[in-house]
C-alpha atoms as a PDB file:
ATOM      1  CA  MET A   1      -0.218   0.102  -0.130  1.00  0.00           C
ATOM      2  CA  GLN A   2       1.065   3.660  -0.290  1.00  0.00           C
ATOM      3  CA  SER A   3       1.188   6.180   2.429  1.00  0.00           C
ATOM      4  CA  TRP A   4       3.109   9.176   3.062  1.00  0.00           C
ATOM      5  CA  ARG A   5       6.021   8.021   6.187  1.00  0.00           C
ATOM      6  CA  VAL A   6       7.805  10.642   8.578  1.00  0.00           C
ATOM      7  CA  HIS A   7      11.132   9.583   8.918  1.00  0.00           C
ATOM      8  CA  ARG A   8      12.765  13.140  10.392  1.00  0.00           C
ATOM      9  CA  ASN A   9      10.600  16.073  12.328  1.00  0.00           C
ATOM     10  CA  GLY A  10      10.294  19.368  10.241  1.00  0.00           C
ATOM     11  CA  GLU A  11       7.176  21.403   7.984  1.00  0.00           C
ATOM     12  CA  PRO A  12       5.256  18.771   6.517  1.00  0.00           C
ATOM     13  CA  SER A  13       6.631  20.332   3.185  1.00  0.00           C
ATOM     14  CA  GLU A  14       9.466  18.873   3.484  1.00  0.00           C
ATOM     15  CA  VAL A  15       9.018  16.182   6.152  1.00  0.00           C
ATOM     16  CA  MET A  16       6.153  14.089   4.053  1.00  0.00           C
ATOM     17  CA  ARG A  17       7.174  11.118   2.007  1.00  0.00           C
ATOM     18  CA  LEU A  18       4.897   9.093  -0.085  1.00  0.00           C
ATOM     19  CA  GLU A  19       5.852   5.168  -0.233  1.00  0.00           C
ATOM     20  CA  GLU A  20       5.114   1.561  -0.926  1.00  0.00           C
ATOM     21  CA  THR A  21       5.134   0.580   3.221  1.00  0.00           C
ATOM     22  CA  ALA A  22       3.114  -3.216   4.121  1.00  0.00           C
ATOM     23  CA  ARG A  23      -0.347  -3.114   5.512  1.00  0.00           C
ATOM     24  CA  PRO A  24       0.036  -2.466   9.494  1.00  0.00           C
ATOM     25  CA  GLU A  25      -0.526  -5.188  11.923  1.00  0.00           C
ATOM     26  CA  PRO A  26      -3.807  -4.837  13.982  1.00  0.00           C
ATOM     27  CA  GLY A  27      -2.631  -4.710  17.651  1.00  0.00           C
ATOM     28  CA  ASP A  28      -4.584  -5.875  20.375  1.00  0.00           C
ATOM     29  CA  GLY A  29      -8.087  -4.191  20.540  1.00  0.00           C
ATOM     30  CA  GLN A  30      -7.271  -2.339  17.182  1.00  0.00           C
ATOM     31  CA  LEU A  31      -8.675  -2.666  13.717  1.00  0.00           C
ATOM     32  CA  LEU A  32      -7.291  -2.493  10.509  1.00  0.00           C
ATOM     33  CA  LEU A  33      -9.462   0.144   8.424  1.00  0.00           C
ATOM     34  CA  ARG A  34      -9.334   1.070   4.376  1.00  0.00           C
ATOM     35  CA  VAL A  35      -9.442   5.096   4.640  1.00  0.00           C
ATOM     36  CA  ARG A  36     -12.186   6.168   2.625  1.00  0.00           C
ATOM     37  CA  ALA A  37     -11.088  10.164   3.097  1.00  0.00           C
ATOM     38  CA  ALA A  38      -8.168  11.514   6.046  1.00  0.00           C
ATOM     39  CA  ASN A  39      -9.370  15.254   7.373  1.00  0.00           C
ATOM     40  CA  ILE A  40      -6.144  17.257   8.298  1.00  0.00           C
ATOM     41  CA  ASN A  41      -5.585  18.712  11.229  1.00  0.00           C
ATOM     42  CA  PHE A  42      -3.108  21.441  13.035  1.00  0.00           C
ATOM     43  CA  PRO A  43      -1.993  18.823  15.158  1.00  0.00           C
ATOM     44  CA  ASP A  44      -0.930  16.959  11.905  1.00  0.00           C
ATOM     45  CA  ALA A  45       1.420  19.145  10.903  1.00  0.00           C
ATOM     46  CA  LEU A  46       2.956  19.241  15.531  1.00  0.00           C
ATOM     47  CA  LEU A  47       3.193  15.447  14.641  1.00  0.00           C
ATOM     48  CA  CYS A  48       5.299  16.295  11.917  1.00  0.00           C
ATOM     49  CA  ARG A  49       7.563  19.025  13.486  1.00  0.00           C
ATOM     50  CA  GLY A  50       7.882  16.863  16.537  1.00  0.00           C
ATOM     51  CA  GLN A  51       5.832  19.272  18.435  1.00  0.00           C
ATOM     52  CA  TYR A  52       2.741  17.452  19.548  1.00  0.00           C
ATOM     53  CA  GLN A  53       2.210  16.363  23.316  1.00  0.00           C
ATOM     54  CA  ILE A  54       1.932  12.597  21.493  1.00  0.00           C
ATOM     55  CA  THR A  55       5.234  11.912  20.462  1.00  0.00           C
ATOM     56  CA  PRO A  56       5.042   8.581  17.609  1.00  0.00           C
ATOM     57  CA  PRO A  57       8.506   6.701  16.724  1.00  0.00           C
ATOM     58  CA  LEU A  58      10.013   7.253  13.658  1.00  0.00           C
ATOM     59  CA  PRO A  59       8.841   6.571  11.107  1.00  0.00           C
ATOM     60  CA  PHE A  60       5.721   7.164  11.373  1.00  0.00           C
ATOM     61  CA  THR A  61       2.238   8.089   9.522  1.00  0.00           C
ATOM     62  CA  ALA A  62       0.173  11.180  10.109  1.00  0.00           C
ATOM     63  CA  GLY A  63      -2.521  11.972   9.993  1.00  0.00           C
ATOM     64  CA  VAL A  64      -5.153  11.745  12.860  1.00  0.00           C
ATOM     65  CA  GLU A  65      -8.832  10.965  11.945  1.00  0.00           C
ATOM     66  CA  PHE A  66     -10.526  10.067   8.817  1.00  0.00           C
ATOM     67  CA  CYS A  67     -12.904   8.628   7.159  1.00  0.00           C
ATOM     68  CA  GLY A  68     -12.192   4.687   7.160  1.00  0.00           C
ATOM     69  CA  GLU A  69     -14.605   0.826   6.161  1.00  0.00           C
ATOM     70  CA  THR A  70     -14.538  -1.606   8.100  1.00  0.00           C
ATOM     71  CA  GLU A  71     -13.379  -5.271   6.668  1.00  0.00           C
ATOM     72  CA  ASP A  72     -17.024  -6.376   6.485  1.00  0.00           C
ATOM     73  CA  GLY A  73     -18.180  -2.879   4.947  1.00  0.00           C
ATOM     74  CA  ARG A  74     -19.320  -0.513   7.775  1.00  0.00           C
ATOM     75  CA  ARG A  75     -18.729   3.105   6.743  1.00  0.00           C
ATOM     76  CA  VAL A  76     -17.487   4.008  10.208  1.00  0.00           C
ATOM     77  CA  ILE A  77     -15.397   7.203  12.180  1.00  0.00           C
ATOM     78  CA  ALA A  78     -11.877   7.065  13.601  1.00  0.00           C
ATOM     79  CA  THR A  79      -9.088   8.643  15.397  1.00  0.00           C
ATOM     80  CA  ALA A  80      -6.206   6.948  14.516  1.00  0.00           C
ATOM     81  CA  ALA A  81      -3.568   4.533  16.644  1.00  0.00           C
ATOM     82  CA  LEU A  82      -0.510   6.275  15.854  1.00  0.00           C
ATOM     83  CA  PRO A  83       2.000   5.743  13.915  1.00  0.00           C
ATOM     84  CA  HIS A  84      -0.106   3.648  11.328  1.00  0.00           C
ATOM     85  CA  GLY A  85      -2.369   7.169  11.167  1.00  0.00           C
ATOM     86  CA  GLY A  86      -4.697   7.820   8.158  1.00  0.00           C
ATOM     87  CA  PHE A  87      -2.470   9.626   5.716  1.00  0.00           C
ATOM     88  CA  ALA A  88      -1.994   5.899   3.625  1.00  0.00           C
ATOM     89  CA  GLU A  89      -4.157   3.956   2.167  1.00  0.00           C
ATOM     90  CA  TYR A  90      -5.119   1.344   5.475  1.00  0.00           C
ATOM     91  CA  ALA A  91      -4.634   2.340   9.126  1.00  0.00           C
ATOM     92  CA  LEU A  92      -5.385   1.820  12.272  1.00  0.00           C
ATOM     93  CA  ALA A  93      -7.377   2.668  14.784  1.00  0.00           C
ATOM     94  CA  PRO A  94      -8.785   1.687  18.661  1.00  0.00           C
ATOM     95  CA  ALA A  95     -11.597  -0.606  18.257  1.00  0.00           C
ATOM     96  CA  ALA A  96     -13.799   0.936  20.808  1.00  0.00           C
ATOM     97  CA  GLY A  97     -13.467   4.799  19.706  1.00  0.00           C
ATOM     98  CA  VAL A  98     -14.620   3.621  16.109  1.00  0.00           C
ATOM     99  CA  LEU A  99     -18.093   5.207  15.333  1.00  0.00           C
ATOM    100  CA  PRO A 100     -20.507   4.864  12.466  1.00  0.00           C
ATOM    101  CA  ALA A 101     -20.617   7.425  10.011  1.00  0.00           C
ATOM    102  CA  PRO A 102     -23.327   9.430   9.637  1.00  0.00           C
ATOM    103  CA  ASP A 103     -25.847   8.699   6.604  1.00  0.00           C
ATOM    104  CA  ALA A 104     -25.945  12.784   5.783  1.00  0.00           C
ATOM    105  CA  LEU A 105     -22.964  12.848   5.023  1.00  0.00           C
ATOM    106  CA  ASP A 106     -20.482  12.160   2.170  1.00  0.00           C
ATOM    107  CA  ASP A 107     -16.920  10.562   3.320  1.00  0.00           C
ATOM    108  CA  ALA A 108     -15.469  13.917   3.085  1.00  0.00           C
ATOM    109  CA  GLU A 109     -17.287  15.300   5.692  1.00  0.00           C
ATOM    110  CA  ALA A 110     -17.422  12.073   7.578  1.00  0.00           C
ATOM    111  CA  ALA A 111     -13.690  12.543   8.421  1.00  0.00           C
ATOM    112  CA  ALA A 112     -13.840  15.852   9.426  1.00  0.00           C
ATOM    113  CA  LEU A 113     -16.970  15.463  11.798  1.00  0.00           C
ATOM    114  CA  HIS A 114     -15.154  13.975  14.736  1.00  0.00           C
ATOM    115  CA  ILE A 115     -12.798  16.053  16.228  1.00  0.00           C
ATOM    116  CA  GLY A 116     -13.150  19.409  15.750  1.00  0.00           C
ATOM    117  CA  TYR A 117     -17.382  18.784  16.148  1.00  0.00           C
ATOM    118  CA  GLN A 118     -16.303  16.964  19.145  1.00  0.00           C
ATOM    119  CA  THR A 119     -14.820  19.192  20.340  1.00  0.00           C
ATOM    120  CA  GLY A 120     -17.016  22.178  20.004  1.00  0.00           C
ATOM    121  CA  TRP A 121     -19.709  20.290  21.801  1.00  0.00           C
ATOM    122  CA  PHE A 122     -17.766  19.344  24.952  1.00  0.00           C
ATOM    123  CA  GLY A 123     -16.297  22.730  24.809  1.00  0.00           C
ATOM    124  CA  LEU A 124     -19.097  24.849  24.341  1.00  0.00           C
ATOM    125  CA  HIS A 125     -21.898  22.721  26.756  1.00  0.00           C
ATOM    126  CA  ARG A 126     -19.374  20.769  28.639  1.00  0.00           C
ATOM    127  CA  ARG A 127     -17.183  23.082  29.826  1.00  0.00           C
ATOM    128  CA  ALA A 128     -18.523  26.241  29.279  1.00  0.00           C
ATOM    129  CA  ARG A 129     -22.131  25.713  29.919  1.00  0.00           C
ATOM    130  CA  LEU A 130     -23.163  27.547  26.930  1.00  0.00           C
ATOM    131  CA  ARG A 131     -26.767  29.069  27.415  1.00  0.00           C
ATOM    132  CA  GLU A 132     -29.280  29.933  24.789  1.00  0.00           C
ATOM    133  CA  GLY A 133     -29.778  33.942  23.778  1.00  0.00           C
ATOM    134  CA  GLU A 134     -26.006  34.114  24.871  1.00  0.00           C
ATOM    135  CA  THR A 135     -23.177  35.150  22.940  1.00  0.00           C
ATOM    136  CA  LEU A 136     -20.403  33.614  21.498  1.00  0.00           C
ATOM    137  CA  LEU A 137     -17.295  34.822  20.019  1.00  0.00           C
ATOM    138  CA  VAL A 138     -15.014  32.714  18.326  1.00  0.00           C
ATOM    139  CA  HIS A 139     -11.622  33.603  16.632  1.00  0.00           C
ATOM    140  CA  ALA A 140     -10.484  31.612  12.966  1.00  0.00           C
ATOM    141  CA  ALA A 141     -14.355  31.279  12.924  1.00  0.00           C
ATOM    142  CA  ALA A 142     -13.632  30.433   8.997  1.00  0.00           C
ATOM    143  CA  GLY A 143     -11.167  27.277  10.021  1.00  0.00           C
ATOM    144  CA  GLY A 144     -11.706  24.280  10.246  1.00  0.00           C
ATOM    145  CA  VAL A 145     -12.244  24.322  14.252  1.00  0.00           C
ATOM    146  CA  GLY A 146     -13.411  27.488  14.199  1.00  0.00           C
ATOM    147  CA  SER A 147     -16.886  26.514  11.929  1.00  0.00           C
ATOM    148  CA  ALA A 148     -17.600  23.532  13.805  1.00  0.00           C
ATOM    149  CA  ALA A 149     -17.945  26.000  16.646  1.00  0.00           C
ATOM    150  CA  VAL A 150     -19.790  28.786  14.924  1.00  0.00           C
ATOM    151  CA  GLN A 151     -21.963  26.025  13.630  1.00  0.00           C
ATOM    152  CA  LEU A 152     -22.749  24.484  17.141  1.00  0.00           C
ATOM    153  CA  GLY A 153     -23.007  27.926  18.494  1.00  0.00           C
ATOM    154  CA  LYS A 154     -26.100  28.560  15.869  1.00  0.00           C
ATOM    155  CA  ALA A 155     -28.261  25.361  17.006  1.00  0.00           C
ATOM    156  CA  ALA A 156     -27.733  26.289  20.556  1.00  0.00           C
ATOM    157  CA  GLY A 157     -29.278  28.851  19.703  1.00  0.00           C
ATOM    158  CA  ALA A 158     -26.850  31.608  20.601  1.00  0.00           C
ATOM    159  CA  THR A 159     -25.950  35.209  18.708  1.00  0.00           C
ATOM    160  CA  VAL A 160     -22.461  34.269  17.590  1.00  0.00           C
ATOM    161  CA  ILE A 161     -20.088  36.666  16.918  1.00  0.00           C
ATOM    162  CA  GLY A 162     -16.562  35.281  14.364  1.00  0.00           C
ATOM    163  CA  VAL A 163     -13.234  36.524  13.951  1.00  0.00           C
ATOM    164  CA  VAL A 164     -11.439  35.887  11.059  1.00  0.00           C
ATOM    165  CA  GLY A 165      -8.371  37.389   8.982  1.00  0.00           C
ATOM    166  CA  GLY A 166      -9.478  38.965   5.319  1.00  0.00           C
ATOM    167  CA  ALA A 167     -12.451  39.890   3.532  1.00  0.00           C
ATOM    168  CA  ASP A 168     -12.727  35.706   1.885  1.00  0.00           C
ATOM    169  CA  LYS A 169     -13.183  34.718   5.197  1.00  0.00           C
ATOM    170  CA  ALA A 170     -15.535  37.156   6.327  1.00  0.00           C
ATOM    171  CA  ALA A 171     -17.959  35.849   3.563  1.00  0.00           C
ATOM    172  CA  VAL A 172     -17.132  32.681   4.780  1.00  0.00           C
ATOM    173  CA  ALA A 173     -18.225  33.057   8.307  1.00  0.00           C
ATOM    174  CA  ARG A 174     -21.580  35.271   7.228  1.00  0.00           C
ATOM    175  CA  GLU A 175     -22.277  32.038   4.940  1.00  0.00           C
ATOM    176  CA  LEU A 176     -21.684  29.934   8.202  1.00  0.00           C
ATOM    177  CA  GLY A 177     -24.145  31.759  10.125  1.00  0.00           C
ATOM    178  CA  CYS A 178     -21.950  34.556  12.214  1.00  0.00           C
ATOM    179  CA  ASP A 179     -24.595  37.058  13.491  1.00  0.00           C
ATOM    180  CA  VAL A 180     -21.676  39.650  13.601  1.00  0.00           C
ATOM    181  CA  VAL A 181     -18.667  39.066  11.332  1.00  0.00           C
ATOM    182  CA  ILE A 182     -15.179  40.716  12.508  1.00  0.00           C
ATOM    183  CA  ASP A 183     -12.105  41.514  10.317  1.00  0.00           C
ATOM    184  CA  ARG A 184      -9.228  41.548  12.362  1.00  0.00           C
ATOM    185  CA  HIS A 185      -6.914  43.437   9.927  1.00  0.00           C
ATOM    186  CA  SER A 186      -9.627  46.099   9.408  1.00  0.00           C
ATOM    187  CA  ASP A 187     -11.590  46.026  12.318  1.00  0.00           C
ATOM    188  CA  ASP A 188     -10.904  47.231  16.011  1.00  0.00           C
ATOM    189  CA  LEU A 189     -11.658  43.504  17.730  1.00  0.00           C
ATOM    190  CA  VAL A 190     -13.293  44.829  21.489  1.00  0.00           C
ATOM    191  CA  ALA A 191     -14.801  47.484  19.983  1.00  0.00           C
ATOM    192  CA  VAL A 192     -17.029  45.520  17.749  1.00  0.00           C
ATOM    193  CA  VAL A 193     -17.719  43.154  20.466  1.00  0.00           C
ATOM    194  CA  LYS A 194     -18.941  45.791  22.785  1.00  0.00           C
ATOM    195  CA  ASP A 195     -20.952  46.995  20.236  1.00  0.00           C
ATOM    196  CA  ALA A 196     -22.936  44.201  18.921  1.00  0.00           C
ATOM    197  CA  THR A 197     -23.547  42.904  22.957  1.00  0.00           C
ATOM    198  CA  SER A 198     -24.612  46.686  24.121  1.00  0.00           C
ATOM    199  CA  GLY A 199     -21.785  47.319  26.366  1.00  0.00           C
ATOM    200  CA  ARG A 200     -21.907  44.115  28.077  1.00  0.00           C
ATOM    201  CA  GLY A 201     -19.307  41.878  25.462  1.00  0.00           C
ATOM    202  CA  ALA A 202     -18.891  37.848  24.909  1.00  0.00           C
ATOM    203  CA  ASP A 203     -20.405  35.617  27.696  1.00  0.00           C
ATOM    204  CA  VAL A 204     -18.159  32.050  26.217  1.00  0.00           C
ATOM    205  CA  VAL A 205     -14.880  32.801  24.274  1.00  0.00           C
ATOM    206  CA  TYR A 206     -13.894  29.980  21.766  1.00  0.00           C
ATOM    207  CA  ASP A 207     -10.473  30.785  21.344  1.00  0.00           C
ATOM    208  CA  PRO A 208      -8.220  27.672  19.416  1.00  0.00           C
ATOM    209  CA  VAL A 209      -5.505  30.274  17.701  1.00  0.00           C
ATOM    210  CA  GLY A 210      -4.053  32.100  21.782  1.00  0.00           C
ATOM    211  CA  GLY A 211      -1.388  35.031  21.119  1.00  0.00           C
ATOM    212  CA  ASP A 212      -3.316  38.476  20.611  1.00  0.00           C
ATOM    213  CA  ALA A 213      -6.772  36.228  20.290  1.00  0.00           C
ATOM    214  CA  TYR A 214      -6.855  36.024  23.572  1.00  0.00           C
ATOM    215  CA  ALA A 215      -4.634  39.267  24.500  1.00  0.00           C
ATOM    216  CA  LYS A 216      -7.876  40.976  22.628  1.00  0.00           C
ATOM    217  CA  SER A 217     -10.853  37.857  24.334  1.00  0.00           C
ATOM    218  CA  VAL A 218      -9.770  39.440  28.048  1.00  0.00           C
ATOM    219  CA  LYS A 219     -11.337  42.497  26.746  1.00  0.00           C
ATOM    220  CA  CYS A 220     -14.481  42.062  26.123  1.00  0.00           C
ATOM    221  CA  VAL A 221     -15.344  39.295  27.626  1.00  0.00           C
ATOM    222  CA  ALA A 222     -18.366  39.298  29.804  1.00  0.00           C
ATOM    223  CA  PHE A 223     -19.270  39.608  33.385  1.00  0.00           C
ATOM    224  CA  GLU A 224     -18.745  35.956  34.688  1.00  0.00           C
ATOM    225  CA  GLY A 225     -18.225  34.896  31.104  1.00  0.00           C
ATOM    226  CA  ARG A 226     -15.990  32.004  30.439  1.00  0.00           C
ATOM    227  CA  ILE A 227     -13.370  31.679  27.614  1.00  0.00           C
ATOM    228  CA  LEU A 228     -11.974  28.600  26.686  1.00  0.00           C
ATOM    229  CA  ILE A 229      -8.445  27.614  25.719  1.00  0.00           C
ATOM    230  CA  VAL A 230      -8.778  25.418  22.825  1.00  0.00           C
ATOM    231  CA  GLY A 231      -5.150  25.548  21.216  1.00  0.00           C
ATOM    232  CA  PHE A 232      -2.840  27.562  20.419  1.00  0.00           C
ATOM    233  CA  THR A 233      -2.142  27.778  16.454  1.00  0.00           C
ATOM    234  CA  SER A 234      -0.507  31.614  16.238  1.00  0.00           C
ATOM    235  CA  GLY A 235       2.277  29.737  18.068  1.00  0.00           C
ATOM    236  CA  THR A 236       2.373  31.851  20.607  1.00  0.00           C
ATOM    237  CA  VAL A 237       1.391  30.657  24.683  1.00  0.00           C
ATOM    238  CA  PRO A 238      -0.674  33.119  26.293  1.00  0.00           C
ATOM    239  CA  THR A 239       0.521  34.539  30.277  1.00  0.00           C
ATOM    240  CA  PRO A 240      -3.071  35.270  31.726  1.00  0.00           C
ATOM    241  CA  GLY A 241      -3.463  37.679  33.951  1.00  0.00           C
ATOM    242  CA  LEU A 242      -4.836  35.875  37.344  1.00  0.00           C
ATOM    243  CA  ASN A 243      -5.685  39.664  39.170  1.00  0.00           C
ATOM    244  CA  HIS A 244      -7.804  40.711  35.866  1.00  0.00           C
ATOM    245  CA  ALA A 245      -9.714  37.219  36.685  1.00  0.00           C
ATOM    246  CA  LEU A 246     -10.383  38.092  39.642  1.00  0.00           C
ATOM    247  CA  ILE A 247     -10.880  41.329  39.498  1.00  0.00           C
ATOM    248  CA  LYS A 248     -13.779  41.162  36.060  1.00  0.00           C
ATOM    249  CA  ASN A 249     -15.080  38.311  36.918  1.00  0.00           C
ATOM    250  CA  TYR A 250     -14.455  35.304  34.295  1.00  0.00           C
ATOM    251  CA  SER A 251     -13.532  32.523  33.909  1.00  0.00           C
ATOM    252  CA  ILE A 252     -11.046  30.762  32.137  1.00  0.00           C
ATOM    253  CA  VAL A 253     -11.415  26.522  31.151  1.00  0.00           C
ATOM    254  CA  GLY A 254      -9.394  25.334  29.476  1.00  0.00           C
ATOM    255  CA  LEU A 255     -10.368  21.629  26.500  1.00  0.00           C
ATOM    256  CA  HIS A 256      -8.569  18.489  25.394  1.00  0.00           C
ATOM    257  CA  TRP A 257     -11.144  17.124  24.244  1.00  0.00           C
ATOM    258  CA  GLY A 258      -9.193  13.959  23.640  1.00  0.00           C
ATOM    259  CA  LEU A 259      -8.668  12.979  27.130  1.00  0.00           C
ATOM    260  CA  TYR A 260     -12.515  12.320  27.921  1.00  0.00           C
ATOM    261  CA  ASN A 261     -11.969   9.181  25.406  1.00  0.00           C
ATOM    262  CA  GLN A 262     -10.022   7.790  28.973  1.00  0.00           C
ATOM    263  CA  LYS A 263     -11.817   9.461  31.274  1.00  0.00           C
ATOM    264  CA  ASP A 264     -15.522   9.367  30.148  1.00  0.00           C
ATOM    265  CA  PRO A 265     -15.880   7.555  26.127  1.00  0.00           C
ATOM    266  CA  GLU A 266     -19.953   7.329  26.903  1.00  0.00           C
ATOM    267  CA  ALA A 267     -20.053  10.717  26.656  1.00  0.00           C
ATOM    268  CA  VAL A 268     -18.127  10.981  23.425  1.00  0.00           C
ATOM    269  CA  ILE A 269     -20.738   8.244  22.439  1.00  0.00           C
ATOM    270  CA  ARG A 270     -23.561  10.019  23.230  1.00  0.00           C
ATOM    271  CA  CYS A 271     -21.955  13.004  21.773  1.00  0.00           C
ATOM    272  CA  HIS A 272     -21.458  11.366  18.540  1.00  0.00           C
ATOM    273  CA  GLU A 273     -25.325  10.308  18.809  1.00  0.00           C
ATOM    274  CA  THR A 274     -26.444  14.365  18.694  1.00  0.00           C
ATOM    275  CA  LEU A 275     -23.685  15.037  16.222  1.00  0.00           C
ATOM    276  CA  THR A 276     -25.064  12.700  13.975  1.00  0.00           C
ATOM    277  CA  GLU A 277     -29.100  13.807  14.821  1.00  0.00           C
ATOM    278  CA  TYR A 278     -27.449  17.942  13.679  1.00  0.00           C
ATOM    279  CA  ALA A 279     -25.946  16.124  10.831  1.00  0.00           C
ATOM    280  CA  GLU A 280     -29.322  14.201   9.918  1.00  0.00           C
ATOM    281  CA  LYS A 281     -31.399  17.837  10.792  1.00  0.00           C
ATOM    282  CA  GLY A 282     -29.250  19.846   8.672  1.00  0.00           C
ATOM    283  CA  LEU A 283     -27.856  21.894  12.308  1.00  0.00           C
ATOM    284  CA  ILE A 284     -24.092  20.913  11.077  1.00  0.00           C
ATOM    285  CA  LYS A 285     -22.105  20.240   7.889  1.00  0.00           C
ATOM    286  CA  PRO A 286     -18.345  19.777   8.144  1.00  0.00           C
ATOM    287  CA  LEU A 287     -16.917  22.760   5.732  1.00  0.00           C
ATOM    288  CA  ILE A 288     -14.665  21.565   3.399  1.00  0.00           C
ATOM    289  CA  SER A 289     -13.065  23.520   0.928  1.00  0.00           C
ATOM    290  CA  GLU A 290     -11.084  20.841  -0.743  1.00  0.00           C
ATOM    291  CA  ARG A 291     -10.861  17.237  -1.386  1.00  0.00           C
ATOM    292  CA  VAL A 292      -7.614  16.927  -2.250  1.00  0.00           C
ATOM    293  CA  PRO A 293      -5.191  13.839  -4.977  1.00  0.00           C
ATOM    294  CA  PHE A 294      -3.400  11.423  -2.308  1.00  0.00           C
ATOM    295  CA  ALA A 295      -0.612  12.639  -4.262  1.00  0.00           C
ATOM    296  CA  GLY A 296      -0.770  16.595  -2.708  1.00  0.00           C
ATOM    297  CA  ALA A 297      -0.844  14.497   0.847  1.00  0.00           C
ATOM    298  CA  ALA A 298       2.405  16.655   2.180  1.00  0.00           C
ATOM    299  CA  GLU A 299       1.942  20.847   0.200  1.00  0.00           C
ATOM    300  CA  ALA A 300      -1.951  20.585   2.039  1.00  0.00           C
ATOM    301  CA  VAL A 301      -0.482  19.431   5.293  1.00  0.00           C
ATOM    302  CA  GLN A 302       2.063  22.265   4.592  1.00  0.00           C
ATOM    303  CA  ARG A 303      -0.867  24.911   4.106  1.00  0.00           C
ATOM    304  CA  VAL A 304      -2.405  24.107   6.954  1.00  0.00           C
ATOM    305  CA  ALA A 305       0.431  24.236   9.101  1.00  0.00           C
ATOM    306  CA  ASP A 306       1.079  28.037   7.965  1.00  0.00           C
ATOM    307  CA  GLY A 307      -2.318  28.653   8.299  1.00  0.00           C
ATOM    308  CA  ALA A 308      -3.069  29.228   4.424  1.00  0.00           C
ATOM    309  CA  THR A 309      -6.962  27.581   4.200  1.00  0.00           C
ATOM    310  CA  THR A 310     -10.205  27.924   4.966  1.00  0.00           C
ATOM    311  CA  GLY A 311     -12.171  25.386   6.528  1.00  0.00           C
ATOM    312  CA  ARG A 312     -10.995  21.569   6.467  1.00  0.00           C
ATOM    313  CA  LEU A 313      -8.597  20.268   3.739  1.00  0.00           C
ATOM    314  CA  VAL A 314      -9.365  16.147   3.018  1.00  0.00           C
ATOM    315  CA  ILE A 315      -7.200  13.242   1.371  1.00  0.00           C
ATOM    316  CA  LEU A 316      -8.470  11.053  -0.222  1.00  0.00           C
ATOM    317  CA  PRO A 317      -6.747   8.211  -1.368  1.00  0.00           C
ATOM    318  CA  GLU A 318      -6.473   6.918  -4.570  1.00  0.00           C
ATOM    319  CA  GLY A 319      -9.353   5.267  -6.221  1.00  0.00           C
ATOM    320  CA  ALA A 320     -11.366   6.828  -3.548  1.00  0.00           C
ATOM    321  CA  VAL A 321     -14.289   8.386  -4.131  1.00  0.00           C
ATOM    322  CA  SER A 322     -16.402  11.058  -2.127  1.00  0.00           C
END
């Protein structure tokens, strides 16, 4: 089979190599799945760089999330059992974490459902306790993670303010359903949020960016608001001023969705059932901006690493139809 393997750490375009390899052998509690579509996540770039919290042994195949097919023909979604990730014709996955792909989504859409939307649902509902009628501020609203949060926020009955970088991404955010769109390149984020909320500020902030996004969020979060720390795609991990959180009465809430697979796997299954219902009702639909031929995988992962994409890029193995 063909797979994109990483033999040394570095930028994805430099270290991902297309190779002919043997099919991986599943270990105890694992399944071998034929990959139908593999979503690109920012952690895939971090894996290539050796900067992710998980460091698989070299050489490895990245691709932490994919839609696959079981030996008996069932279409499923899964997170990969590294080092045998989804940027290959076949991948391994923990059997206990394999879930049915929603019929309402095609392979590429299903491949982009699991991590982004589970992160959004757990963040907004379990960690931030978002309520109907509240205001949700989403950074990187036109990106893969942000677009999921926008759709889930609207499904929860929130007013959603989306922050993007550039006019093209602003148009995408409006199409996703954002009630207010802020272009961080040209708009005063803090002023727009306060104006849109009559001075109150955002009840919940969804921040997968860190850096300057976090710094501006604390200036426009509401009294008793909640700032969700989802990731640091800016490359800068902020240092919170706890005195400011005390004075303004807001919460800084961490979210590491992957831990729920260990701490509360039943909640992950229930969440998937909810997301499947949402997909059937048309409340959510992963934003697929590009379906990438298998030969273009390394370049596509690099574009995600560089923050030069909108929505999701999904890799299709040779012969896959989606």
